[in-house]
Amino acid sequence: MSLALVWLVFLSHTGSSTELLPSTFTIPLTKRTSSRRRLSPHKPHASADDDGNGGAYTASIDLSDYYNNEYIGLLGIGTPPQYLEVVFDTGSSDIWIPSATCTSCGSHQSFDGSLSSSYSAVYDEHTQSTKKFTISYGSGDVSGNVAADKITLGNLVVDEVYIGEVTSEDSNIAAFDMDGICGLAFDGLSRVSSPNLFESLVDSYPNITQSFSIYLSSDPDDQTKSSQITFGGYDLSIVSSNASFYYTPLVKNSVTLTYWTVALTGFAAGFSKKFTDAASVDIDVSLCVSESSTDDYYENDGYTSDICYAIVDSGTSGIAIPSDYYDTIVDYVIGDLECVDLTCAGVSENDFPILLISLAPDNTFPLLPSDYLSCSEYNECIVRFQSTTSDYWILGDAFIEAYYTNFDVENLRIGFACDGQCSGGDWHGTGGYLILVTELPYWKKTIFIYGSFALLLIVISSIIGAMWKCNKETHMMLHGKNNSINGTIDKSRYMIIPSNDGEGEDKIDPYTAFTKNLRMGNEKITFH
């Protein structure tokens, strides 16, 4: 998983694991005002849902989207629940949160087991001491002790879930906004939480449908159709009244499932004069095309070497591409555009190609430039790609934003919703703008520096020249042979200096006469 993208969930406890609850639980996402604000539990509200869920009711909880790059949520742990901000991650399986004893966890909120009446430590039967764990991510490691406690998810409470209490975490992870992680992948990845949270949820609530769905809005300011996760089913009305899921089966490389892995039967890219669907794209790049039949993807529940595979991962913000393909794709996507790595300046979405991602058995899902770019109002765009040394592609939130996604645990498949022909994420609008700070190319920086220096010299020279001229003329006024003034002057417009004895002739203040003449330009005043 990648720790770059997370969800924000406001969770509360309104029931117990012995209650007979509705079969569907929906968590909508709305805007949050502060990335580190402590959030109070939000009481779920019931709403009718008869779209694929047998007329069940839903329990809704607010969440937030930070310009498609951060989704953090509250998870309740213990009795009474202590709420911490976590990533809900389909790319991992464990739950871990900082312990109150952690001294390297930065500003993260922590869990104090001594304050929970349902807390119990988990002991290692071999060492007869508290069971330890270590989990490694690309951003660093976390380690600590294993414990068991209640988990509160919306109005659902699950007893005796194994959690990791982190007593040490690397500095990179300590700098993240989220406090911990709540994994939604399979047991094959578990180091701590086995059975995983969803299995424990089904055990506690046998009537719940064994699936969950994720809708991520690409517009963080959209209040009418905000992002949400639904436990126990789906709501296709989010997409349209005529929408349906296009399913692809899971594949596995062992008896135990690990990731939400699907077969990627093709990747293509090209431009379209008038885009309507995948058939309208003129393809220039085509990768991951295999001669194997679709049956070979699932033969003996194993992997075939000449076939590409992808993980659908809500914990990754963009699209991760295996290093064997990365340079080819990036070179084509950015072309001759002015870019530093994946940040491009002076561009628009029309400068980028349409991507076509094909999944078994025979579904093709276009990604529009607006789906895989994050752009600013200053014509700067970041391409949401990253390279991976793994053989897996990763379809992260850039893909989930474009296609409402159903994770079907019972039938071991993933569905992506389309309204008729699949055509990317333009059906729910485009996202908000980002303010980007980019590194300019060396030649641009050189021109900018020397140009700025030359302009500064011109300005300084002009100021010095004006001051010299002003001082010279003022000197003439004050120190000339006399201060008499030729011409007819309206003395009422200038400062008058009275004579010392009150009997002599009043004089015009020469400095005032000079400066007012500059402003008004009505009289020609000379000094001699």
Protein backbone atom coordinates (compact mmCIF):
# COMPACT_ATOMS: atom_id res chain seq x y z
CA MET A 1 0.00 0.00 0.00
CA SER A 2 0.96 3.66 -0.27
CA LEU A 3 0.46 6.00 2.64
CA ALA A 4 -0.14 8.94 0.32
CA LEU A 5 -3.91 8.72 0.28
CA VAL A 6 -6.26 8.17 3.17
CA TRP A 7 -9.93 8.50 4.15
CA LEU A 8 -11.54 10.53 6.87
CA VAL A 9 -14.38 8.77 8.73
CA PHE A 10 -16.46 10.14 11.60
CA LEU A 11 -17.42 7.06 13.58
CA SER A 12 -19.75 6.53 16.53
CA HIS A 13 -21.16 3.76 18.69
CA THR A 14 -24.96 3.44 18.70
CA GLY A 15 -25.36 -0.31 19.00
CA SER A 16 -23.78 -3.54 20.15
CA SER A 17 -22.67 -6.71 18.43
CA THR A 18 -25.73 -8.58 19.68
CA GLU A 19 -28.24 -6.26 17.97
CA LEU A 20 -30.06 -7.27 14.80
CA LEU A 21 -28.89 -4.50 12.49
CA PRO A 22 -29.70 -3.54 8.89
CA SER A 23 -27.77 -5.32 6.16
CA THR A 24 -26.20 -2.18 4.72
CA PHE A 25 -24.13 0.58 6.34
CA THR A 26 -23.15 3.64 4.33
CA ILE A 27 -20.47 6.18 5.24
CA PRO A 28 -20.72 9.37 3.14
CA LEU A 29 -17.77 11.76 2.80
CA THR A 30 -17.89 15.53 3.29
CA LYS A 31 -15.39 18.34 3.75
CA ARG A 32 -13.24 18.72 6.88
CA THR A 33 -11.87 22.10 7.94
CA SER A 34 -8.54 21.07 9.48
CA SER A 35 -6.14 18.26 8.75
CA ARG A 36 -5.33 17.68 12.42
CA ARG A 37 -8.62 18.65 14.05
CA ARG A 38 -9.96 16.31 16.72
CA LEU A 39 -13.34 15.06 15.50
CA SER A 40 -16.27 14.17 17.71
CA PRO A 41 -18.24 11.00 16.95
CA HIS A 42 -21.00 11.75 14.46
CA LYS A 43 -24.33 10.03 15.06
CA PRO A 44 -25.35 7.96 12.01
CA HIS A 45 -28.60 8.79 10.30
CA ALA A 46 -30.89 6.31 8.56
CA SER A 47 -31.88 6.63 4.92
CA ALA A 48 -33.81 4.29 2.65
CA ASP A 49 -31.73 2.26 0.22
CA ASP A 50 -33.45 -0.12 -2.17
CA ASP A 51 -30.72 -0.26 -4.80
CA GLY A 52 -29.21 -3.74 -4.62
CA ASN A 53 -29.70 -4.09 -0.88
CA GLY A 54 -33.18 -5.49 -0.47
CA GLY A 55 -34.73 -2.30 0.92
CA ALA A 56 -32.26 -2.14 3.80
CA TYR A 57 -31.52 1.06 5.69
CA THR A 58 -28.12 2.71 5.82
CA ALA A 59 -26.10 4.27 8.65
CA SER A 60 -24.23 7.36 7.39
CA ILE A 61 -21.12 9.05 8.79
CA ASP A 62 -19.34 12.14 7.45
CA LEU A 63 -15.90 12.00 5.81
CA SER A 64 -13.63 14.35 3.87
CA ASP A 65 -11.65 14.67 0.62
CA TYR A 66 -8.51 16.81 0.39
CA TYR A 67 -8.29 17.43 -3.37
CA ASN A 68 -8.25 13.70 -4.13
CA ASN A 69 -5.07 13.21 -2.16
CA GLU A 70 -6.05 12.55 1.45
CA TYR A 71 -8.89 10.63 3.08
CA ILE A 72 -8.52 10.14 6.85
CA GLY A 73 -11.10 8.58 9.14
CA LEU A 74 -11.99 7.99 12.74
CA LEU A 75 -11.97 4.45 14.15
CA GLY A 76 -13.27 3.75 17.65
CA ILE A 77 -11.16 1.39 19.79
CA GLY A 78 -11.96 0.11 23.28
CA THR A 79 -14.75 0.66 25.83
CA PRO A 80 -15.63 3.48 25.86
CA PRO A 81 -14.29 3.99 22.33
CA GLN A 82 -11.19 6.11 21.84
CA TYR A 83 -11.32 7.62 18.35
CA LEU A 84 -8.19 7.77 16.22
CA GLU A 85 -7.67 8.86 12.62
CA VAL A 86 -6.79 5.93 10.37
CA VAL A 87 -6.41 4.94 6.73
CA PHE A 88 -9.10 2.52 5.51
CA ASP A 89 -6.86 0.54 3.20
CA THR A 90 -7.79 -2.25 0.74
CA GLY A 91 -4.05 -2.81 0.21
CA SER A 92 -3.33 -4.16 3.70
CA SER A 93 -5.05 -6.33 6.32
CA ASP A 94 -3.94 -5.20 9.78
CA ILE A 95 -5.17 -2.62 12.25
CA TRP A 96 -2.51 -0.66 14.07
CA ILE A 97 -2.58 2.55 16.06
CA PRO A 98 -0.04 4.41 18.26
CA SER A 99 0.20 3.27 21.87
CA ALA A 100 0.13 5.78 24.70
CA THR A 101 3.68 4.61 25.50
CA CYS A 102 5.05 5.52 22.04
CA THR A 103 7.67 8.27 22.21
CA SER A 104 8.51 8.30 18.47
CA CYS A 105 4.98 8.72 17.11
CA GLY A 106 5.21 12.46 16.53
CA SER A 107 2.00 14.44 17.05
CA HIS A 108 -0.23 11.43 16.49
CA GLN A 109 -3.10 10.70 18.85
CA SER A 110 -2.62 7.47 20.79
CA PHE A 111 -4.63 4.64 22.32
CA ASP A 112 -4.42 3.99 26.06
CA GLY A 113 -5.42 0.42 26.84
CA SER A 114 -5.58 1.12 30.57
CA LEU A 115 -8.65 3.30 29.91
CA SER A 116 -10.58 0.50 28.14
CA SER A 117 -12.60 -2.02 30.14
CA SER A 118 -12.59 -4.47 27.20
CA TYR A 119 -8.82 -4.37 26.56
CA SER A 120 -6.62 -7.45 26.87
CA ALA A 121 -2.99 -8.07 25.96
CA VAL A 122 -2.17 -10.96 23.61
CA TYR A 123 0.59 -13.28 24.79
CA ASP A 124 3.04 -15.36 22.79
CA GLU A 125 2.63 -18.99 23.85
CA HIS A 126 6.32 -19.67 23.24
CA THR A 127 7.84 -16.72 25.09
CA GLN A 128 5.01 -16.28 27.63
CA SER A 129 5.33 -12.54 27.08
CA THR A 130 3.33 -9.97 25.15
CA LYS A 131 3.23 -10.83 21.45
CA LYS A 132 5.35 -8.49 19.30
CA PHE A 133 4.94 -7.37 15.69
CA THR A 134 6.79 -5.41 13.02
CA ILE A 135 5.28 -4.22 9.73
CA SER A 136 7.34 -2.68 6.92
CA TYR A 137 6.06 -0.17 4.36
CA GLY A 138 7.78 1.77 1.61
CA SER A 139 7.76 4.77 3.95
CA GLY A 140 9.26 2.92 6.94
CA ASP A 141 8.51 0.44 9.73
CA VAL A 142 6.15 0.30 12.69
CA SER A 143 6.53 -2.11 15.59
CA GLY A 144 4.95 -2.80 18.95
CA ASN A 145 2.66 -5.18 20.88
CA VAL A 146 -0.44 -7.13 19.91
CA ALA A 147 -3.66 -6.60 21.90
CA ALA A 148 -7.36 -7.37 21.56
CA ASP A 149 -10.25 -4.94 22.03
CA LYS A 150 -13.59 -3.81 20.67
CA ILE A 151 -13.70 -1.91 17.40
CA THR A 152 -16.44 0.66 16.73
CA LEU A 153 -17.20 1.25 13.06
CA GLY A 154 -20.17 3.54 12.61
CA ASN A 155 -22.98 1.94 14.59
CA LEU A 156 -21.30 -1.47 14.46
CA VAL A 157 -19.27 -2.84 17.36
CA VAL A 158 -17.04 -5.87 16.86
CA ASP A 159 -15.64 -7.69 19.91
CA GLU A 160 -12.08 -8.96 20.43
CA VAL A 161 -10.41 -7.72 17.29
CA TYR A 162 -6.62 -8.09 17.23
CA ILE A 163 -4.87 -4.74 16.93
CA GLY A 164 -1.27 -3.59 16.90
CA GLU A 165 -0.27 -1.05 19.55
CA VAL A 166 2.66 0.78 17.99
CA THR A 167 5.48 1.62 20.41
CA SER A 168 7.93 2.70 17.69
CA GLU A 169 7.50 4.13 14.20
CA ASP A 170 9.94 5.57 11.68
CA SER A 171 10.11 9.35 11.27
CA ASN A 172 8.49 9.32 7.82
CA ILE A 173 5.39 7.60 9.19
CA ALA A 174 5.39 9.82 12.28
CA ALA A 175 5.09 12.82 9.92
CA PHE A 176 1.87 11.56 8.28
CA ASP A 177 -1.50 13.07 9.15
CA MET A 178 -3.14 9.75 9.93
CA ASP A 179 -2.63 8.04 13.27
CA GLY A 180 -2.87 4.45 12.05
CA ILE A 181 -4.26 2.00 9.49
CA CYS A 182 -7.37 -0.16 9.21
CA GLY A 183 -6.78 -2.84 6.59
CA LEU A 184 -9.58 -4.25 4.38
CA ALA A 185 -7.58 -6.82 2.37
CA PHE A 186 -7.47 -10.58 3.08
CA ASP A 187 -5.97 -12.76 5.81
CA GLY A 188 -3.01 -13.78 3.70
CA LEU A 189 -1.43 -10.38 4.42
CA SER A 190 -2.21 -10.29 8.15
CA ARG A 191 0.62 -9.92 10.65
CA VAL A 192 -1.62 -8.82 13.52
CA SER A 193 -5.36 -8.82 12.74
CA SER A 194 -6.27 -12.41 11.88
CA PRO A 195 -9.13 -12.86 11.29
CA ASN A 196 -9.27 -9.48 9.62
CA LEU A 197 -11.81 -6.78 10.46
CA PHE A 198 -14.32 -7.62 7.72
CA GLU A 199 -14.36 -11.33 8.64
CA SER A 200 -14.91 -10.40 12.28
CA LEU A 201 -17.67 -8.02 11.20
CA VAL A 202 -19.47 -10.81 9.30
CA ASP A 203 -19.10 -13.16 12.27
CA SER A 204 -20.68 -10.56 14.57
CA TYR A 205 -23.44 -9.63 12.11
CA PRO A 206 -24.37 -12.71 10.04
CA ASN A 207 -27.13 -10.80 8.20
CA ILE A 208 -24.77 -8.28 6.65
CA THR A 209 -24.08 -8.76 2.94
CA GLN A 210 -20.45 -9.75 2.45
CA SER A 211 -19.33 -6.81 0.35
CA PHE A 212 -18.42 -3.17 0.67
CA SER A 213 -18.36 -0.37 -1.88
CA ILE A 214 -16.32 2.80 -2.28
CA TYR A 215 -17.34 5.98 -4.08
CA LEU A 216 -14.75 8.78 -4.15
CA SER A 217 -15.86 12.13 -5.53
CA SER A 218 -13.23 13.95 -7.56
CA ASP A 219 -14.57 17.27 -6.27
CA PRO A 220 -13.87 17.88 -2.56
CA ASP A 221 -16.37 20.75 -2.52
CA ASP A 222 -19.26 18.69 -3.87
CA GLN A 223 -21.93 18.73 -1.17
CA THR A 224 -24.66 17.04 -3.22
CA LYS A 225 -22.82 13.82 -4.05
CA SER A 226 -19.98 13.42 -1.56
CA SER A 227 -17.67 10.44 -1.22
CA GLN A 228 -18.71 7.39 0.79
CA ILE A 229 -17.98 3.81 1.75
CA THR A 230 -20.86 1.35 2.16
CA PHE A 231 -20.58 -1.81 4.25
CA GLY A 232 -22.98 -4.58 3.26
CA GLY A 233 -23.78 -3.70 -0.34
CA TYR A 234 -23.86 -0.76 -2.73
CA ASP A 235 -25.96 2.13 -4.01
CA LEU A 236 -25.83 2.37 -7.79
CA SER A 237 -28.05 5.45 -7.78
CA ILE A 238 -24.85 7.35 -6.98
CA VAL A 239 -23.89 6.82 -10.62
CA SER A 240 -27.29 6.82 -12.33
CA SER A 241 -30.62 5.03 -12.40
CA ASN A 242 -29.38 2.86 -15.27
CA ALA A 243 -25.88 2.08 -13.99
CA SER A 244 -24.55 -1.46 -13.54
CA PHE A 245 -21.37 -3.11 -12.33
CA TYR A 246 -18.84 -4.70 -14.68
CA TYR A 247 -17.21 -7.45 -12.62
CA THR A 248 -13.77 -8.98 -12.81
CA PRO A 249 -12.86 -12.11 -10.78
CA LEU A 250 -10.08 -12.15 -8.20
CA VAL A 251 -6.95 -14.18 -8.78
CA LYS A 252 -4.69 -15.64 -6.11
CA ASN A 253 -1.26 -17.21 -6.00
CA SER A 254 -1.81 -19.37 -2.93
CA VAL A 255 -4.54 -21.12 -0.99
CA THR A 256 -5.03 -17.97 1.10
CA LEU A 257 -6.13 -14.73 -0.54
CA THR A 258 -3.93 -11.68 -0.03
CA TYR A 259 -4.59 -8.58 -2.11
CA TRP A 260 -7.64 -7.55 -4.13
CA THR A 261 -5.85 -8.76 -7.28
CA VAL A 262 -7.34 -8.89 -10.79
CA ALA A 263 -6.01 -9.82 -14.22
CA LEU A 264 -5.01 -6.85 -16.37
CA THR A 265 -5.49 -7.97 -19.97
CA GLY A 266 -4.25 -4.79 -21.61
CA PHE A 267 -3.04 -1.22 -21.18
CA ALA A 268 -3.32 1.27 -24.04
CA ALA A 269 -3.05 5.00 -24.56
CA GLY A 270 -3.98 7.40 -27.32
CA PHE A 271 -5.87 10.53 -28.32
CA SER A 272 -9.41 11.02 -29.57
CA LYS A 273 -10.82 13.81 -31.74
CA LYS A 274 -14.23 13.33 -30.13
CA PHE A 275 -14.19 10.91 -27.20
CA THR A 276 -17.29 8.81 -26.53
CA ASP A 277 -15.90 5.47 -25.35
CA ALA A 278 -12.85 3.21 -25.71
CA ALA A 279 -13.58 2.57 -29.39
CA SER A 280 -13.16 6.27 -30.22
CA VAL A 281 -9.51 6.39 -29.08
CA ASP A 282 -6.69 6.19 -31.64
CA ILE A 283 -4.25 3.88 -29.86
CA ASP A 284 -0.53 4.70 -30.01
CA VAL A 285 0.78 2.58 -27.11
CA SER A 286 -0.35 -0.96 -26.26
CA LEU A 287 1.10 -3.05 -23.41
CA CYS A 288 0.28 -6.17 -21.38
CA VAL A 289 -1.35 -7.90 -24.33
CA SER A 290 -1.12 -11.65 -23.73
CA GLU A 291 -1.75 -14.58 -26.03
CA SER A 292 -3.08 -16.59 -23.10
CA SER A 293 -6.80 -17.26 -22.92
CA THR A 294 -8.87 -15.83 -20.09
CA ASP A 295 -9.04 -19.32 -18.57
CA ASP A 296 -5.28 -19.21 -18.07
CA TYR A 297 -5.67 -16.27 -15.70
CA TYR A 298 -7.27 -18.51 -13.10
CA GLU A 299 -5.68 -21.87 -13.84
CA ASN A 300 -4.98 -23.69 -10.54
CA ASP A 301 -5.57 -20.40 -8.74
CA GLY A 302 -2.05 -19.41 -9.75
CA TYR A 303 -0.28 -16.74 -11.78
CA THR A 304 0.74 -17.03 -15.43
CA SER A 305 4.09 -15.39 -16.24
CA ASP A 306 3.04 -13.66 -19.47
CA ILE A 307 -0.01 -12.00 -17.95
CA CYS A 308 -0.17 -8.66 -16.10
CA TYR A 309 -1.93 -8.36 -12.74
CA ALA A 310 -3.27 -5.34 -10.86
CA ILE A 311 -4.12 -4.67 -7.21
CA VAL A 312 -7.12 -2.44 -6.51
CA ASP A 313 -5.82 -0.41 -3.57
CA SER A 314 -7.62 2.45 -1.83
CA GLY A 315 -4.41 3.25 0.05
CA THR A 316 -2.60 4.40 -3.12
CA SER A 317 -3.45 7.82 -4.48
CA GLY A 318 -2.68 7.32 -8.16
CA ILE A 319 -1.65 4.56 -10.57
CA ALA A 320 1.48 2.50 -9.80
CA ILE A 321 3.21 1.07 -12.84
CA PRO A 322 5.83 -1.74 -12.85
CA SER A 323 9.29 -0.41 -13.69
CA ASP A 324 9.41 -2.52 -16.88
CA TYR A 325 6.62 -0.38 -18.34
CA TYR A 326 6.96 2.89 -16.44
CA ASP A 327 9.38 4.81 -18.67
CA THR A 328 7.54 3.84 -21.86
CA ILE A 329 4.22 5.07 -20.49
CA VAL A 330 5.56 8.27 -18.91
CA ASP A 331 7.53 9.21 -22.05
CA TYR A 332 4.36 8.89 -24.11
CA VAL A 333 2.03 10.63 -21.66
CA ILE A 334 4.19 13.75 -21.17
CA GLY A 335 5.63 13.74 -24.70
CA ASP A 336 7.27 17.08 -25.55
CA LEU A 337 5.52 18.96 -22.77
CA GLU A 338 7.55 21.15 -20.39
CA CYS A 339 7.77 18.86 -17.36
CA VAL A 340 10.04 18.24 -14.40
CA ASP A 341 9.55 14.60 -13.51
CA LEU A 342 5.73 14.29 -13.41
CA THR A 343 4.96 18.00 -12.89
CA CYS A 344 4.17 19.86 -16.11
CA ALA A 345 3.83 23.64 -16.64
CA GLY A 346 1.91 25.60 -19.27
CA VAL A 347 -0.39 22.68 -20.04
CA SER A 348 -4.06 21.74 -20.08
CA GLU A 349 -5.86 18.42 -19.83
CA ASN A 350 -6.25 18.37 -23.63
CA ASP A 351 -2.46 17.95 -23.95
CA PHE A 352 -2.60 14.48 -22.36
CA PRO A 353 -3.82 11.15 -23.80
CA ILE A 354 -6.69 8.91 -22.75
CA LEU A 355 -5.69 5.67 -21.01
CA LEU A 356 -7.49 2.37 -21.58
CA ILE A 357 -7.26 -0.28 -18.85
CA SER A 358 -8.66 -3.69 -19.76
CA LEU A 359 -9.55 -6.25 -17.07
CA ALA A 360 -10.63 -9.86 -17.39
CA PRO A 361 -12.78 -11.22 -18.75
CA ASP A 362 -13.49 -8.55 -21.40
CA ASN A 363 -14.01 -5.12 -19.82
CA THR A 364 -12.19 -1.93 -20.86
CA PHE A 365 -12.21 1.13 -18.60
CA PRO A 366 -11.04 4.47 -20.05
CA LEU A 367 -9.23 6.94 -17.80
CA LEU A 368 -9.57 10.54 -18.97
CA PRO A 369 -6.76 13.05 -18.33
CA SER A 370 -8.97 14.62 -15.63
CA ASP A 371 -8.97 11.23 -13.88
CA TYR A 372 -5.19 10.82 -13.60
CA LEU A 373 -4.07 14.46 -13.39
CA SER A 374 -4.12 16.97 -10.54
CA CYS A 375 -4.04 20.46 -12.08
CA SER A 376 -3.77 24.00 -10.74
CA GLU A 377 -5.44 27.17 -11.99
CA TYR A 378 -2.01 28.25 -13.25
CA ASN A 379 -1.88 25.58 -15.97
CA GLU A 380 0.33 23.24 -13.95
CA CYS A 381 -0.53 19.54 -13.75
CA ILE A 382 0.86 16.60 -11.79
CA VAL A 383 0.58 13.19 -13.42
CA ARG A 384 -0.60 10.78 -10.72
CA PHE A 385 1.77 7.93 -11.63
CA GLN A 386 4.44 6.21 -9.60
CA SER A 387 6.93 3.49 -10.39
CA THR A 388 7.03 0.19 -8.52
CA THR A 389 9.64 -2.56 -8.50
CA SER A 390 6.84 -5.09 -8.04
CA ASP A 391 5.32 -6.98 -10.96
CA TYR A 392 1.89 -5.78 -9.84
CA TRP A 393 0.18 -2.73 -11.27
CA ILE A 394 -1.77 -0.79 -8.64
CA LEU A 395 -5.11 0.79 -9.49
CA GLY A 396 -5.41 3.36 -6.71
CA ASP A 397 -7.81 6.17 -6.01
CA ALA A 398 -7.35 7.75 -9.44
CA PHE A 399 -9.14 4.66 -10.77
CA ILE A 400 -11.67 4.34 -7.91
CA GLU A 401 -12.62 8.01 -8.34
CA ALA A 402 -13.48 7.30 -11.98
CA TYR A 403 -15.44 4.12 -11.25
CA TYR A 404 -17.65 3.45 -8.22
CA THR A 405 -16.19 0.18 -6.91
CA ASN A 406 -17.83 -2.85 -5.25
CA PHE A 407 -15.53 -5.22 -3.32
CA ASP A 408 -17.54 -8.46 -3.31
CA VAL A 409 -16.04 -10.65 -0.57
CA GLU A 410 -18.59 -13.47 -0.89
CA ASN A 411 -18.17 -13.96 -4.66
CA LEU A 412 -14.46 -13.01 -4.79
CA ARG A 413 -14.80 -10.34 -7.45
CA ILE A 414 -14.60 -6.58 -7.93
CA GLY A 415 -17.19 -4.56 -9.80
CA PHE A 416 -16.75 -1.16 -11.45
CA ALA A 417 -19.91 0.82 -12.18
CA CYS A 418 -20.69 2.42 -15.54
CA ASP A 419 -23.76 4.15 -16.94
CA GLY A 420 -23.98 2.26 -20.22
CA GLN A 421 -20.60 2.50 -21.97
CA CYS A 422 -17.71 3.05 -19.57
CA SER A 423 -16.23 6.49 -20.24
CA GLY A 424 -14.14 7.57 -17.25
CA GLY A 425 -15.03 9.78 -14.33
CA ASP A 426 -16.55 12.77 -16.11
CA TRP A 427 -20.01 11.65 -14.98
CA HIS A 428 -19.46 13.24 -11.56
CA GLY A 429 -17.54 16.35 -12.63
CA THR A 430 -13.91 17.33 -12.22
CA GLY A 431 -12.01 18.02 -9.05
CA GLY A 432 -10.76 21.15 -7.37
CA TYR A 433 -7.52 22.93 -8.24
CA LEU A 434 -4.21 22.51 -6.51
CA ILE A 435 -1.59 25.20 -5.89
CA LEU A 436 1.65 23.68 -7.10
CA VAL A 437 5.20 24.78 -6.34
CA THR A 438 7.44 23.43 -9.08
CA GLU A 439 11.14 23.46 -9.89
CA LEU A 440 11.85 25.40 -13.12
CA PRO A 441 14.33 24.13 -15.73
CA TYR A 442 17.86 25.56 -15.42
CA TRP A 443 17.64 27.74 -18.55
CA LYS A 444 14.40 29.32 -17.35
CA LYS A 445 15.88 30.01 -13.94
CA THR A 446 18.96 31.64 -15.59
CA ILE A 447 16.84 33.93 -17.77
CA PHE A 448 14.65 34.84 -14.81
CA ILE A 449 17.61 35.68 -12.54
CA TYR A 450 19.50 37.82 -15.11
CA GLY A 451 16.30 39.48 -16.33
CA SER A 452 15.30 40.38 -12.78
CA PHE A 453 18.80 41.78 -12.08
CA ALA A 454 18.73 43.93 -15.24
CA LEU A 455 15.29 45.28 -14.39
CA LEU A 456 16.46 46.11 -10.88
CA LEU A 457 19.45 48.07 -12.27
CA ILE A 458 17.15 50.08 -14.56
CA VAL A 459 14.83 50.95 -11.69
CA ILE A 460 17.72 51.97 -9.40
CA SER A 461 19.31 54.09 -12.16
CA SER A 462 16.02 55.88 -12.79
CA ILE A 463 15.56 56.65 -9.10
CA ILE A 464 19.12 57.95 -8.73
CA GLY A 465 18.75 60.15 -11.84
CA ALA A 466 15.49 61.65 -10.62
CA MET A 467 16.96 62.35 -7.18
CA TRP A 468 20.06 63.99 -8.67
CA LYS A 469 17.97 66.27 -10.89
CA CYS A 470 15.68 67.22 -8.02
CA ASN A 471 18.58 67.99 -5.70
CA LYS A 472 20.33 70.10 -8.35
CA GLU A 473 17.30 72.27 -9.03
CA THR A 474 16.55 72.62 -5.32
CA HIS A 475 20.14 73.69 -4.74
CA MET A 476 19.77 76.36 -7.44
CA MET A 477 16.60 77.61 -5.76
CA LEU A 478 18.10 77.87 -2.30
CA HIS A 479 21.63 78.98 -3.10
CA GLY A 480 21.34 81.00 -6.35
CA LYS A 481 22.32 84.71 -6.70
CA ASN A 482 18.87 85.70 -5.50
CA ASN A 483 15.49 84.16 -5.11
CA SER A 484 13.50 86.57 -7.26
CA ILE A 485 10.98 85.04 -9.60
CA ASN A 486 10.25 86.19 -13.13
CA GLY A 487 6.74 86.02 -14.40
CA THR A 488 3.33 86.61 -12.97
CA ILE A 489 2.63 84.35 -9.98
CA ASP A 490 -0.63 83.76 -8.18
CA LYS A 491 0.76 84.00 -4.63
CA SER A 492 -2.36 82.40 -3.16
CA ARG A 493 -1.23 79.06 -4.56
CA TYR A 494 2.14 79.08 -2.80
CA MET A 495 3.52 79.38 0.68
CA ILE A 496 4.29 83.05 1.52
CA ILE A 497 7.23 83.96 3.79
CA PRO A 498 6.39 87.22 5.67
CA SER A 499 9.08 89.89 6.04
CA ASN A 500 10.93 89.91 9.33
CA ASP A 501 9.89 93.42 10.33
CA GLY A 502 6.36 93.24 8.98
CA GLU A 503 7.04 96.27 6.77
CA GLY A 504 9.11 94.79 3.96
CA GLU A 505 7.96 92.82 0.90
CA ASP A 506 6.69 89.31 1.49
CA LYS A 507 8.55 86.56 -0.43
CA ILE A 508 7.48 83.32 -2.07
CA ASP A 509 9.00 80.19 -0.56
CA PRO A 510 11.16 78.95 -3.49
CA TYR A 511 10.92 75.21 -2.60
CA THR A 512 7.13 75.34 -2.42
CA ALA A 513 6.96 77.29 -5.67
CA PHE A 514 9.20 74.73 -7.37
CA THR A 515 7.33 71.64 -6.22
CA LYS A 516 3.88 73.08 -6.89
CA ASN A 517 4.97 74.15 -10.34
CA LEU A 518 5.98 70.56 -11.06
CA ARG A 519 2.55 69.32 -10.03
CA MET A 520 0.42 72.01 -11.72
CA GLY A 521 2.53 73.00 -14.70
CA ASN A 522 0.65 76.31 -15.15
CA GLU A 523 3.49 78.82 -14.71
CA LYS A 524 7.04 78.85 -15.95
CA ILE A 525 9.21 79.72 -12.98
CA THR A 526 12.90 80.47 -13.37
CA PHE A 527 15.51 81.24 -10.74
CA HIS A 528 18.54 83.48 -11.05
